Amino acid sequence: MSSWRDTESRAPGVGLGAELRKLRERAGLTAREAGELLNVNAARISSIEGGRFGVRPDA
C-alpha cells in the first residue's frame, strides 16, 4: 500500500530531480560540487535527484 508521500509528493519531484541531474552532469559537476554551490551536501543533491526529497520555491 502506498502512502501519500509516495504518490503525491514524490511524483512531481522525480521530474525535477531528473532535470537537476541532467543539468548538473551537462555542467560537468559532481553531486558534491553542485552541493557546494547550493550550500547543501551531496546527499541532499542525491535525494533531490532521486525524488526522495522535494524542494519548494522560496516565498
Protein backbone atom coordinates (compact mmCIF):
# COMPACT_ATOMS: atom_id res chain seq x y z
CA MET A 1 0.00 0.00 0.00
CA SER A 2 1.38 3.40 -1.00
CA SER A 3 1.45 6.30 1.37
CA TRP A 4 0.56 9.84 0.39
CA ARG A 5 4.28 10.63 0.35
CA ASP A 6 4.91 8.01 -2.31
CA THR A 7 2.12 9.08 -4.60
CA GLU A 8 1.60 12.80 -4.21
CA SER A 9 4.76 14.47 -3.01
CA ARG A 10 7.25 12.22 -4.74
CA ALA A 11 5.87 12.16 -8.25
CA PRO A 12 6.39 15.87 -9.03
CA GLY A 13 9.91 15.80 -7.61
CA VAL A 14 11.01 12.94 -9.81
CA GLY A 15 10.85 15.08 -12.95
CA LEU A 16 12.60 17.95 -11.21
CA GLY A 17 15.27 15.61 -9.88
CA ALA A 18 15.90 14.14 -13.32
CA GLU A 19 16.22 17.63 -14.76
CA LEU A 20 18.60 18.66 -11.98
CA ARG A 21 20.79 15.61 -12.64
CA LYS A 22 20.80 16.25 -16.39
CA LEU A 23 21.84 19.87 -15.92
CA ARG A 24 24.42 19.01 -13.26
CA GLU A 25 26.01 16.37 -15.46
CA ARG A 26 25.92 18.66 -18.50
CA ALA A 27 27.80 21.25 -16.45
CA GLY A 28 30.38 18.59 -15.54
CA LEU A 29 29.69 18.83 -11.82
CA THR A 30 29.69 16.07 -9.25
CA ALA A 31 26.93 15.98 -6.65
CA ARG A 32 29.45 17.28 -4.14
CA GLU A 33 30.41 20.23 -6.33
CA ALA A 34 26.77 21.09 -7.01
CA GLY A 35 26.05 20.86 -3.30
CA GLU A 36 28.86 23.25 -2.50
CA LEU A 37 27.44 25.77 -4.98
CA LEU A 38 23.95 25.39 -3.48
CA ASN A 39 25.09 25.25 0.17
CA VAL A 40 23.82 21.70 0.73
CA ASN A 41 25.65 18.38 0.99
CA ALA A 42 25.99 15.79 -1.75
CA ALA A 43 23.46 13.53 -0.02
CA ARG A 44 20.81 16.25 -0.36
CA ILE A 45 21.56 16.61 -4.08
CA SER A 46 21.27 12.85 -4.47
CA SER A 47 17.96 12.80 -2.58
CA ILE A 48 16.52 15.56 -4.76
CA GLU A 49 17.70 13.87 -7.94
CA GLY A 50 16.21 10.57 -6.80
CA GLY A 51 12.86 12.17 -5.93
CA ARG A 52 13.21 11.31 -2.24
CA PHE A 53 13.38 14.93 -1.10
CA GLY A 54 11.17 17.63 -2.50
CA VAL A 55 12.03 21.25 -2.97
CA ARG A 56 9.84 24.31 -2.88
CA PRO A 57 10.35 27.82 -4.17
CA ASP A 58 11.29 30.49 -1.65
CA ALA A 59 8.34 32.53 -0.50
